[in-house]
Amino acid sequence: MVEVVKATRGPLIELHSVVRHVHGNEVSIWVAGEMLIGSQEVVYARELKLNTLQVLCLTVEKGGKQRRFVVDKWVYRKGELDNYASIHIWDETGNADAPPGYAYNPDNGSVWLDFIAVGE
């Protein structure tokens, strides 16, 4: 089952799996899916069905004649309620940011990324 999450603006997120782990008094939630996102955009914990975002692992989905991209992220205030991750997508050299509308970026400046997120 795929659940599609679309904020009024920002990335298109497809959730493929949500797993809840309980270990003693600690509960963690693992979410896996895909997102269509442009550089310099943010992903909020609530968009990933999480209360807090602690870990976000991203990989670029390549196909066809798509160029290589380097993805970088920064999680703002890890573990705090309703935090977010800022995502940057760089060209293959890693020297220039590839913002939405970047000429070689597929899907109108956005790139499909596979992700795994961990939070509460």
Protein backbone atom coordinates (compact mmCIF):
# COMPACT_ATOMS: atom_id res chain seq x y z
CA MET A 1 0.00 0.00 0.00
CA VAL A 2 1.36 3.42 -0.96
CA GLU A 3 0.15 6.54 0.81
CA VAL A 4 0.76 9.80 -1.05
CA VAL A 5 1.43 12.90 1.04
CA LYS A 6 1.44 16.30 -0.64
CA ALA A 7 1.76 19.53 1.28
CA THR A 8 0.39 22.73 -0.24
CA ARG A 9 3.93 23.33 -1.46
CA GLY A 10 7.12 21.38 -1.25
CA PRO A 11 7.87 17.74 -1.99
CA LEU A 12 5.60 14.95 -3.13
CA ILE A 13 6.06 12.07 -0.68
CA GLU A 14 5.03 8.44 -1.19
CA LEU A 15 5.11 6.35 1.99
CA HIS A 16 5.64 2.63 1.32
CA SER A 17 6.18 1.29 4.83
CA VAL A 18 5.72 2.50 8.40
CA VAL A 19 7.08 0.22 11.14
CA ARG A 20 6.77 0.83 14.88
CA HIS A 21 9.48 -0.67 17.13
CA VAL A 22 8.95 -0.97 20.88
CA HIS A 23 11.99 -1.75 23.03
CA GLY A 24 11.39 -1.41 26.78
CA ASN A 25 10.09 2.12 27.33
CA GLU A 26 11.42 3.39 24.01
CA VAL A 27 9.34 3.58 20.85
CA SER A 28 10.82 4.36 17.44
CA ILE A 29 9.09 4.58 14.08
CA TRP A 30 10.81 3.71 10.80
CA VAL A 31 9.31 5.08 7.59
CA ALA A 32 10.41 4.11 4.07
CA GLY A 33 9.33 5.57 0.77
CA GLU A 34 10.13 7.95 -2.06
CA MET A 35 9.97 11.70 -2.47
CA LEU A 36 10.03 14.03 -5.45
CA ILE A 37 11.89 17.07 -4.19
CA GLY A 38 13.93 19.99 -5.44
CA SER A 39 17.07 21.41 -3.89
CA GLN A 40 16.76 23.87 -1.00
CA GLU A 41 13.41 22.43 0.07
CA VAL A 42 12.52 21.13 3.51
CA VAL A 43 10.73 18.00 4.69
CA TYR A 44 8.85 18.23 7.98
CA ALA A 45 8.58 15.32 10.40
CA ARG A 46 4.76 15.43 10.19
CA GLU A 47 4.92 14.94 6.39
CA LEU A 48 6.71 11.64 7.08
CA LYS A 49 4.04 10.63 9.66
CA LEU A 50 6.51 11.25 12.51
CA ASN A 51 6.33 13.49 15.57
CA THR A 52 10.10 13.96 15.60
CA LEU A 53 12.73 13.36 12.94
CA GLN A 54 16.06 11.95 14.12
CA VAL A 55 17.59 10.17 11.10
CA LEU A 56 16.98 10.66 7.38
CA CYS A 57 18.86 8.50 4.86
CA LEU A 58 18.50 9.57 1.21
CA THR A 59 19.58 7.93 -2.05
CA VAL A 60 19.10 9.22 -5.59
CA GLU A 61 16.97 7.13 -7.92
CA LYS A 62 18.66 7.16 -11.31
CA GLY A 63 17.22 6.07 -14.62
CA GLY A 64 17.49 6.77 -18.32
CA LYS A 65 19.67 9.76 -19.20
CA GLN A 66 19.40 11.37 -15.79
CA ARG A 67 22.57 13.05 -14.58
CA ARG A 68 24.33 12.10 -11.39
CA PHE A 69 23.42 14.10 -8.30
CA VAL A 70 24.83 14.35 -4.81
CA VAL A 71 22.25 14.72 -2.05
CA ASP A 72 23.01 16.41 1.24
CA LYS A 73 20.70 16.98 4.20
CA TRP A 74 20.69 18.67 7.57
CA VAL A 75 18.22 17.70 10.30
CA TYR A 76 17.19 20.72 12.35
CA ARG A 77 17.03 20.07 16.12
CA LYS A 78 17.15 16.27 15.97
CA GLY A 79 14.50 14.61 18.09
CA GLU A 80 12.51 17.78 18.86
CA LEU A 81 8.79 17.89 18.20
CA ASP A 82 7.81 18.73 14.60
CA ASN A 83 11.34 19.42 13.35
CA TYR A 84 12.46 19.27 9.72
CA ALA A 85 15.29 18.37 7.36
CA SER A 86 16.73 20.77 4.82
CA ILE A 87 17.73 19.01 1.59
CA HIS A 88 20.25 20.17 -1.00
CA ILE A 89 20.86 18.52 -4.35
CA TRP A 90 24.24 19.17 -5.96
CA ASP A 91 25.42 18.52 -9.51
CA GLU A 92 27.75 15.59 -10.16
CA THR A 93 30.85 17.65 -9.33
CA GLY A 94 29.45 18.62 -5.95
CA ASN A 95 30.37 22.24 -6.60
CA ALA A 96 27.08 23.81 -7.67
CA ASP A 97 23.65 23.63 -6.11
CA ALA A 98 20.99 22.25 -8.45
CA PRO A 99 17.88 24.26 -7.47
CA PRO A 100 14.39 23.69 -8.88
CA GLY A 101 14.46 24.60 -12.56
CA TYR A 102 18.05 23.44 -12.99
CA ALA A 103 18.39 22.79 -16.73
CA TYR A 104 19.62 19.20 -16.43
CA ASN A 105 17.35 18.27 -13.55
CA PRO A 106 14.49 15.95 -14.58
CA ASP A 107 10.87 16.50 -13.54
CA ASN A 108 10.99 20.31 -13.62
CA GLY A 109 13.88 20.68 -11.22
CA SER A 110 12.97 17.88 -8.83
CA VAL A 111 14.62 14.53 -8.27
CA TRP A 112 13.14 11.26 -7.00
CA LEU A 113 14.86 10.20 -3.79
CA ASP A 114 14.41 6.95 -1.88
CA PHE A 115 14.40 7.54 1.86
CA ILE A 116 14.36 5.88 5.25
CA ALA A 117 13.43 8.09 8.20
CA VAL A 118 13.58 7.28 11.89
CA GLY A 119 11.82 9.20 14.64
CA GLU A 120 9.08 8.99 17.23
